Amino acid sequence: MTTTLIIFALMSWCVQIIFSWLQIRRFNQAFLAMKKGRYLGVGRSQTKWFKPRVLIAISLDENQNVIDSVKMKGITVFALPKTIPQLHGLNAKEIIPETIYPNDPASRSALSVALTASNK
């Protein structure tokens, strides 16, 4: 019985590693497919256990306008990267995370970090 549990735990751990690798690969592909601008900001939310984490990447042109974006949100390894169309064309200085995501504190946090990183 103990051996079966240990084998099951090891198999589950290996499956988790594979799925995590696939998730990172999906985000990296979406990140590399982004339109390249002059500035790039990446932000990650700081959330607690069992709450969805958010990863946002934005690409800005020389005028600090958003030309592309990627958002990945989820608890599991099945989260997929998606674009954020409401950001495209906006100037980074005009973006207020609270108005873009009024009911999503994790997304607000990630967007704020991405905007801070792009303004440095």
Protein backbone atom coordinates (compact mmCIF):
# COMPACT_ATOMS: atom_id res chain seq x y z
CA MET A 1 0.00 0.00 0.00
CA THR A 2 2.77 2.45 0.92
CA THR A 3 4.68 1.67 -2.26
CA THR A 4 1.55 2.33 -4.33
CA LEU A 5 1.05 5.71 -2.67
CA ILE A 6 4.69 6.68 -3.24
CA ILE A 7 4.51 5.65 -6.91
CA PHE A 8 1.25 7.58 -7.33
CA ALA A 9 2.77 10.69 -5.70
CA LEU A 10 5.86 10.50 -7.94
CA MET A 11 3.73 10.07 -11.05
CA SER A 12 1.54 13.03 -10.04
CA TRP A 13 4.63 15.15 -9.45
CA CYS A 14 6.01 14.25 -12.89
CA VAL A 15 2.69 15.10 -14.56
CA GLN A 16 2.66 18.45 -12.71
CA ILE A 17 6.18 19.21 -13.96
CA ILE A 18 5.19 18.42 -17.54
CA PHE A 19 2.03 20.55 -17.39
CA SER A 20 3.94 23.44 -15.80
CA TRP A 21 6.53 23.27 -18.56
CA LEU A 22 3.75 23.35 -21.17
CA GLN A 23 2.18 26.39 -19.51
CA ILE A 24 5.48 28.28 -19.44
CA ARG A 25 6.05 27.33 -23.07
CA ARG A 26 2.59 28.67 -24.06
CA PHE A 27 3.26 31.99 -22.34
CA ASN A 28 6.73 32.26 -23.86
CA GLN A 29 5.30 31.65 -27.34
CA ALA A 30 2.65 34.33 -26.79
CA PHE A 31 5.31 36.66 -25.39
CA LEU A 32 7.60 36.13 -28.39
CA ALA A 33 4.67 36.63 -30.80
CA MET A 34 3.93 40.07 -29.33
CA LYS A 35 4.57 43.10 -31.50
CA LYS A 36 7.92 44.44 -30.44
CA GLY A 37 7.90 47.99 -29.24
CA ARG A 38 10.47 50.21 -27.68
CA TYR A 39 9.47 49.31 -24.11
CA LEU A 40 8.22 46.10 -22.60
CA GLY A 41 6.65 45.70 -19.18
CA VAL A 42 5.82 42.46 -17.42
CA GLY A 43 3.86 42.26 -14.20
CA ARG A 44 2.74 39.46 -11.93
CA SER A 45 0.15 39.67 -9.21
CA GLN A 46 1.03 38.86 -5.63
CA THR A 47 -1.80 36.62 -4.51
CA LYS A 48 -2.23 34.04 -1.81
CA TRP A 49 -2.72 30.31 -2.12
CA PHE A 50 -5.71 29.06 -4.11
CA LYS A 51 -6.37 32.41 -5.76
CA PRO A 52 -5.72 32.97 -9.46
CA ARG A 53 -2.36 34.48 -10.31
CA VAL A 54 -2.15 36.95 -13.15
CA LEU A 55 0.74 37.61 -15.48
CA ILE A 56 0.50 40.62 -17.83
CA ALA A 57 2.97 41.74 -20.49
CA ILE A 58 2.54 44.99 -22.42
CA SER A 59 4.53 46.36 -25.32
CA LEU A 60 4.80 50.12 -25.82
CA ASP A 61 5.94 52.12 -28.82
CA GLU A 62 8.23 55.16 -28.66
CA ASN A 63 5.26 57.38 -27.70
CA GLN A 64 4.38 55.10 -24.75
CA ASN A 65 1.23 53.81 -26.51
CA VAL A 66 0.28 50.17 -25.99
CA ILE A 67 0.76 48.24 -29.23
CA ASP A 68 0.32 44.72 -27.85
CA SER A 69 -0.51 42.90 -24.64
CA VAL A 70 -0.79 39.41 -23.18
CA LYS A 71 -2.60 38.29 -20.04
CA MET A 72 -2.47 34.88 -18.42
CA LYS A 73 -4.74 34.24 -15.44
CA GLY A 74 -5.52 31.08 -13.56
CA ILE A 75 -4.92 28.71 -10.72
CA THR A 76 -4.18 25.63 -12.76
CA VAL A 77 -1.66 24.87 -15.47
CA PHE A 78 -4.47 25.06 -18.03
CA ALA A 79 -4.53 28.89 -18.08
CA LEU A 80 -4.09 30.27 -21.58
CA PRO A 81 -2.55 33.59 -22.65
CA LYS A 82 -5.01 36.11 -24.08
CA THR A 83 -4.69 39.63 -25.44
CA ILE A 84 -6.17 42.63 -23.64
CA PRO A 85 -7.85 44.59 -26.45
CA GLN A 86 -9.11 47.42 -24.21
CA LEU A 87 -5.48 48.49 -23.60
CA HIS A 88 -4.39 48.71 -27.24
CA GLY A 89 -3.85 52.25 -28.41
CA LEU A 90 -3.91 53.79 -24.93
CA ASN A 91 -1.01 55.80 -23.62
CA ALA A 92 0.71 54.19 -20.63
CA LYS A 93 0.34 57.37 -18.58
CA GLU A 94 -3.42 57.42 -19.16
CA ILE A 95 -4.01 53.82 -18.08
CA ILE A 96 -5.63 53.54 -14.67
CA PRO A 97 -5.68 49.86 -13.61
CA GLU A 98 -8.72 50.45 -11.36
CA THR A 99 -10.84 51.48 -14.38
CA ILE A 100 -9.62 48.62 -16.59
CA TYR A 101 -10.19 45.96 -13.91
CA PRO A 102 -12.67 47.37 -11.36
CA ASN A 103 -13.55 43.97 -9.86
CA ASP A 104 -10.26 42.10 -10.24
CA PRO A 105 -7.55 43.12 -7.74
CA ALA A 106 -5.06 40.52 -9.02
CA SER A 107 -5.25 41.88 -12.58
CA ARG A 108 -5.00 45.46 -11.27
CA SER A 109 -1.85 44.53 -9.36
CA ALA A 110 -0.23 42.81 -12.35
CA LEU A 111 -1.09 45.71 -14.69
CA SER A 112 0.32 48.24 -12.22
CA VAL A 113 3.59 46.30 -12.00
CA ALA A 114 3.77 45.99 -15.80
CA LEU A 115 3.21 49.72 -16.23
CA THR A 116 5.79 50.54 -13.56
CA ALA A 117 8.33 48.25 -15.23
CA SER A 118 7.71 49.86 -18.62
CA ASN A 119 8.15 53.42 -17.29
CA LYS A 120 11.65 52.85 -15.94
